[in-house]
Amino acid sequence: MIHSLLDTTRVVGHLDVVGEPFEVCAEATASHDRSANGLTVNLCAFLRAMRHDHLGEKATADWLPAPEIVTEHVDIDEAHGLTDEIFASWCHRVAALIPSP
């Protein structure tokens, strides 16, 4: 049986692109397969428009990391903690790549 563990987006920074404000976002969805003790974490990063006329629109940039899928063999008791660690590391990685103004 597969259980959903996490579905979250975190704003890790802000950036102006051609004078338009964007949020730099890191996102993760995670699930655990109890029968196989398999953890799968899908990671992505994107820019999200902040202006009201484009609110919620997503974009990408060359400097953002490509989406990744992390798989681990772990018991459900350890899955939540490991998922949090993986997402925290991803957020740090995305934030570190934000270009200086």
N, C-alpha and C. Protein backbone atom coordinates (compact mmCIF):
# COMPACT_ATOMS: atom_id res chain seq x y z
N MET A 1 0.83 -1.17 0.00
CA MET A 1 0.00 0.00 0.00
C MET A 1 0.88 1.25 0.00
N ILE A 2 0.55 2.20 -0.84
CA ILE A 2 1.34 3.42 -0.96
C ILE A 2 0.65 4.54 -0.18
N HIS A 3 1.44 5.22 0.65
CA HIS A 3 0.94 6.31 1.47
C HIS A 3 1.62 7.62 1.09
N SER A 4 0.82 8.66 0.93
CA SER A 4 1.37 9.97 0.65
C SER A 4 1.94 10.55 1.95
N LEU A 5 3.16 11.08 1.88
CA LEU A 5 3.81 11.65 3.05
C LEU A 5 3.92 13.17 3.01
N LEU A 6 4.07 13.72 1.82
CA LEU A 6 4.35 15.15 1.72
C LEU A 6 3.93 15.66 0.35
N ASP A 7 3.36 16.85 0.33
CA ASP A 7 3.05 17.56 -0.90
C ASP A 7 3.13 19.03 -0.54
N THR A 8 4.28 19.65 -0.80
CA THR A 8 4.51 21.00 -0.31
C THR A 8 5.33 21.83 -1.28
N THR A 9 5.13 23.14 -1.17
CA THR A 9 5.93 24.11 -1.92
C THR A 9 6.42 25.15 -0.92
N ARG A 10 7.69 25.49 -1.01
CA ARG A 10 8.28 26.50 -0.12
C ARG A 10 8.93 27.59 -0.96
N VAL A 11 8.63 28.83 -0.61
CA VAL A 11 9.29 29.98 -1.24
C VAL A 11 10.66 30.12 -0.59
N VAL A 12 11.72 30.03 -1.40
CA VAL A 12 13.08 30.09 -0.86
C VAL A 12 13.78 31.40 -1.22
N GLY A 13 13.10 32.25 -1.98
CA GLY A 13 13.69 33.53 -2.34
C GLY A 13 12.80 34.29 -3.29
N HIS A 14 13.25 35.51 -3.63
CA HIS A 14 12.54 36.37 -4.56
C HIS A 14 13.52 36.89 -5.60
N LEU A 15 13.00 37.19 -6.76
CA LEU A 15 13.86 37.60 -7.87
C LEU A 15 13.05 38.43 -8.85
N ASP A 16 13.66 39.47 -9.41
CA ASP A 16 13.04 40.22 -10.49
C ASP A 16 13.59 39.69 -11.82
N VAL A 17 12.67 39.40 -12.72
CA VAL A 17 13.03 38.94 -14.06
C VAL A 17 12.44 39.95 -15.04
N VAL A 18 13.31 40.66 -15.73
CA VAL A 18 12.91 41.71 -16.66
C VAL A 18 11.93 42.67 -15.96
N GLY A 19 12.28 43.04 -14.73
CA GLY A 19 11.48 44.00 -13.98
C GLY A 19 10.22 43.45 -13.35
N GLU A 20 9.96 42.18 -13.49
CA GLU A 20 8.77 41.56 -12.92
C GLU A 20 9.15 40.72 -11.70
N PRO A 21 8.39 40.83 -10.60
CA PRO A 21 8.72 40.08 -9.39
C PRO A 21 8.26 38.62 -9.46
N PHE A 22 9.16 37.73 -9.04
CA PHE A 22 8.86 36.30 -8.99
C PHE A 22 9.31 35.74 -7.65
N GLU A 23 8.62 34.71 -7.20
CA GLU A 23 9.07 33.91 -6.06
C GLU A 23 9.86 32.74 -6.61
N VAL A 24 10.95 32.38 -5.94
CA VAL A 24 11.71 31.18 -6.28
C VAL A 24 11.18 30.08 -5.37
N CYS A 25 10.65 29.03 -5.96
CA CYS A 25 9.97 27.98 -5.19
C CYS A 25 10.66 26.63 -5.32
N ALA A 26 10.65 25.90 -4.22
CA ALA A 26 11.10 24.51 -4.19
C ALA A 26 9.87 23.68 -3.83
N GLU A 27 9.71 22.57 -4.51
CA GLU A 27 8.51 21.75 -4.32
C GLU A 27 8.89 20.28 -4.15
N ALA A 28 8.10 19.58 -3.34
CA ALA A 28 8.34 18.15 -3.13
C ALA A 28 7.01 17.42 -2.94
N THR A 29 6.94 16.25 -3.53
CA THR A 29 5.87 15.30 -3.23
C THR A 29 6.56 13.99 -2.86
N ALA A 30 6.07 13.36 -1.82
CA ALA A 30 6.72 12.13 -1.35
C ALA A 30 5.67 11.08 -1.02
N SER A 31 6.03 9.84 -1.28
CA SER A 31 5.16 8.71 -0.93
C SER A 31 6.03 7.56 -0.45
N HIS A 32 5.39 6.67 0.31
CA HIS A 32 6.08 5.50 0.85
C HIS A 32 5.26 4.26 0.55
N ASP A 33 5.94 3.26 -0.01
CA ASP A 33 5.33 1.97 -0.29
C ASP A 33 5.67 1.04 0.87
N ARG A 34 4.69 0.79 1.74
CA ARG A 34 4.96 -0.01 2.94
C ARG A 34 5.37 -1.45 2.61
N SER A 35 4.81 -2.02 1.57
CA SER A 35 5.14 -3.41 1.26
C SER A 35 6.58 -3.58 0.80
N ALA A 36 7.14 -2.55 0.16
CA ALA A 36 8.52 -2.63 -0.33
C ALA A 36 9.47 -1.76 0.49
N ASN A 37 8.93 -1.04 1.50
CA ASN A 37 9.73 -0.09 2.28
C ASN A 37 10.45 0.89 1.37
N GLY A 38 9.74 1.34 0.34
CA GLY A 38 10.33 2.26 -0.64
C GLY A 38 9.81 3.67 -0.48
N LEU A 39 10.71 4.61 -0.34
CA LEU A 39 10.39 6.03 -0.27
C LEU A 39 10.73 6.67 -1.61
N THR A 40 9.79 7.44 -2.16
CA THR A 40 10.02 8.17 -3.40
C THR A 40 9.70 9.64 -3.15
N VAL A 41 10.68 10.50 -3.44
CA VAL A 41 10.50 11.94 -3.27
C VAL A 41 10.74 12.61 -4.63
N ASN A 42 9.72 13.28 -5.15
CA ASN A 42 9.82 14.01 -6.41
C ASN A 42 10.09 15.48 -6.08
N LEU A 43 11.17 16.01 -6.62
CA LEU A 43 11.60 17.37 -6.32
C LEU A 43 11.61 18.21 -7.59
N CYS A 44 11.19 19.47 -7.46
CA CYS A 44 11.29 20.39 -8.59
C CYS A 44 11.45 21.81 -8.05
N ALA A 45 11.85 22.70 -8.93
CA ALA A 45 12.01 24.11 -8.59
C ALA A 45 11.47 24.93 -9.75
N PHE A 46 10.90 26.08 -9.42
CA PHE A 46 10.31 26.92 -10.45
C PHE A 46 10.19 28.35 -9.94
N LEU A 47 9.90 29.25 -10.86
CA LEU A 47 9.62 30.64 -10.54
C LEU A 47 8.10 30.82 -10.60
N ARG A 48 7.55 31.55 -9.63
CA ARG A 48 6.11 31.80 -9.62
C ARG A 48 5.87 33.31 -9.63
N ALA A 49 5.08 33.76 -10.60
CA ALA A 49 4.80 35.18 -10.76
C ALA A 49 4.08 35.74 -9.53
N MET A 50 4.40 37.00 -9.19
CA MET A 50 3.80 37.65 -8.03
C MET A 50 2.82 38.76 -8.41
N ARG A 51 2.89 39.25 -9.64
CA ARG A 51 1.96 40.32 -10.05
C ARG A 51 0.56 39.76 -10.18
N HIS A 52 -0.42 40.56 -9.80
CA HIS A 52 -1.81 40.09 -9.78
C HIS A 52 -2.31 39.64 -11.16
N ASP A 53 -1.86 40.29 -12.22
CA ASP A 53 -2.33 39.90 -13.55
C ASP A 53 -1.68 38.61 -14.05
N HIS A 54 -0.67 38.11 -13.32
CA HIS A 54 -0.02 36.84 -13.68
C HIS A 54 0.08 35.92 -12.47
N LEU A 55 -0.67 36.21 -11.42
CA LEU A 55 -0.57 35.49 -10.15
C LEU A 55 -0.65 33.97 -10.34
N GLY A 56 0.32 33.28 -9.79
CA GLY A 56 0.33 31.82 -9.82
C GLY A 56 0.96 31.21 -11.06
N GLU A 57 1.24 32.03 -12.08
CA GLU A 57 1.88 31.48 -13.27
C GLU A 57 3.28 31.01 -12.93
N LYS A 58 3.65 29.86 -13.46
CA LYS A 58 4.96 29.28 -13.19
C LYS A 58 5.86 29.42 -14.41
N ALA A 59 7.15 29.57 -14.13
CA ALA A 59 8.16 29.66 -15.18
C ALA A 59 9.40 28.91 -14.70
N THR A 60 10.31 28.69 -15.60
CA THR A 60 11.57 28.06 -15.25
C THR A 60 12.71 28.97 -15.68
N ALA A 61 13.89 28.65 -15.25
CA ALA A 61 15.08 29.41 -15.61
C ALA A 61 16.24 28.44 -15.76
N ASP A 62 17.20 28.80 -16.60
CA ASP A 62 18.35 27.92 -16.86
C ASP A 62 19.14 27.58 -15.60
N TRP A 63 19.17 28.49 -14.64
CA TRP A 63 19.97 28.29 -13.44
C TRP A 63 19.29 27.40 -12.39
N LEU A 64 18.00 27.15 -12.55
CA LEU A 64 17.31 26.26 -11.61
C LEU A 64 17.71 24.81 -11.86
N PRO A 65 17.79 24.01 -10.80
CA PRO A 65 18.13 22.60 -11.02
C PRO A 65 17.00 21.86 -11.72
N ALA A 66 17.37 20.86 -12.48
CA ALA A 66 16.37 20.01 -13.15
C ALA A 66 15.60 19.22 -12.09
N PRO A 67 14.36 18.85 -12.39
CA PRO A 67 13.61 18.01 -11.44
C PRO A 67 14.37 16.73 -11.14
N GLU A 68 14.20 16.25 -9.91
CA GLU A 68 14.88 15.03 -9.48
C GLU A 68 13.89 14.11 -8.79
N ILE A 69 14.20 12.83 -8.85
CA ILE A 69 13.45 11.82 -8.09
C ILE A 69 14.45 11.10 -7.20
N VAL A 70 14.20 11.14 -5.91
CA VAL A 70 15.06 10.47 -4.93
C VAL A 70 14.32 9.24 -4.43
N THR A 71 14.98 8.09 -4.48
CA THR A 71 14.38 6.86 -3.95
C THR A 71 15.29 6.29 -2.87
N GLU A 72 14.67 5.82 -1.82
CA GLU A 72 15.40 5.23 -0.70
C GLU A 72 14.64 4.02 -0.20
N HIS A 73 15.36 3.08 0.36
CA HIS A 73 14.76 1.92 1.02
C HIS A 73 14.76 2.23 2.51
N VAL A 74 13.57 2.48 3.07
CA VAL A 74 13.48 2.90 4.46
C VAL A 74 12.13 2.48 5.04
N ASP A 75 12.12 2.14 6.32
CA ASP A 75 10.90 1.78 7.03
C ASP A 75 10.02 3.02 7.20
N ILE A 76 8.72 2.84 7.30
CA ILE A 76 7.79 3.96 7.45
C ILE A 76 8.12 4.81 8.67
N ASP A 77 8.65 4.21 9.73
CA ASP A 77 8.98 4.96 10.94
C ASP A 77 10.07 6.00 10.70
N GLU A 78 10.91 5.77 9.71
CA GLU A 78 12.00 6.69 9.38
C GLU A 78 11.70 7.55 8.16
N ALA A 79 10.63 7.22 7.46
CA ALA A 79 10.34 7.88 6.18
C ALA A 79 10.04 9.37 6.33
N HIS A 80 9.27 9.74 7.35
CA HIS A 80 8.92 11.15 7.51
C HIS A 80 10.16 12.01 7.76
N GLY A 81 11.02 11.55 8.66
CA GLY A 81 12.24 12.29 8.97
C GLY A 81 13.16 12.42 7.76
N LEU A 82 13.31 11.32 7.03
CA LEU A 82 14.17 11.35 5.85
C LEU A 82 13.59 12.26 4.77
N THR A 83 12.28 12.22 4.61
CA THR A 83 11.62 13.11 3.64
C THR A 83 11.89 14.57 3.99
N ASP A 84 11.77 14.91 5.27
CA ASP A 84 12.04 16.28 5.71
C ASP A 84 13.49 16.68 5.42
N GLU A 85 14.42 15.77 5.65
CA GLU A 85 15.84 16.05 5.39
C GLU A 85 16.09 16.26 3.89
N ILE A 86 15.50 15.43 3.07
CA ILE A 86 15.68 15.53 1.62
C ILE A 86 15.12 16.86 1.12
N PHE A 87 13.93 17.24 1.60
CA PHE A 87 13.34 18.49 1.16
C PHE A 87 14.13 19.70 1.67
N ALA A 88 14.59 19.66 2.89
CA ALA A 88 15.40 20.76 3.43
C ALA A 88 16.67 20.94 2.60
N SER A 89 17.31 19.85 2.23
CA SER A 89 18.51 19.91 1.41
C SER A 89 18.20 20.49 0.04
N TRP A 90 17.08 20.09 -0.55
CA TRP A 90 16.66 20.61 -1.85
C TRP A 90 16.41 22.12 -1.77
N CYS A 91 15.72 22.56 -0.73
CA CYS A 91 15.45 24.00 -0.55
C CYS A 91 16.75 24.79 -0.45
N HIS A 92 17.69 24.26 0.30
CA HIS A 92 18.99 24.92 0.45
C HIS A 92 19.70 25.00 -0.90
N ARG A 93 19.67 23.92 -1.65
CA ARG A 93 20.31 23.87 -2.96
C ARG A 93 19.70 24.89 -3.92
N VAL A 94 18.36 24.96 -3.97
CA VAL A 94 17.69 25.91 -4.86
C VAL A 94 18.01 27.34 -4.44
N ALA A 95 17.93 27.63 -3.14
CA ALA A 95 18.21 28.98 -2.65
C ALA A 95 19.63 29.42 -2.98
N ALA A 96 20.57 28.50 -2.91
CA ALA A 96 21.98 28.81 -3.17
C ALA A 96 22.23 29.16 -4.63
N LEU A 97 21.34 28.77 -5.50
CA LEU A 97 21.51 29.02 -6.94
C LEU A 97 20.89 30.33 -7.41
N ILE A 98 20.16 31.03 -6.54
CA ILE A 98 19.52 32.28 -6.94
C ILE A 98 20.60 33.30 -7.31
N PRO A 99 20.52 33.84 -8.51
CA PRO A 99 21.52 34.82 -8.94
C PRO A 99 21.48 36.09 -8.08
N SER A 100 22.63 36.69 -7.89
CA SER A 100 22.70 37.97 -7.17
C SER A 100 22.11 39.06 -8.05
N PRO A 101 21.46 40.05 -7.42
CA PRO A 101 20.85 41.13 -8.22
C PRO A 101 21.90 41.98 -8.92
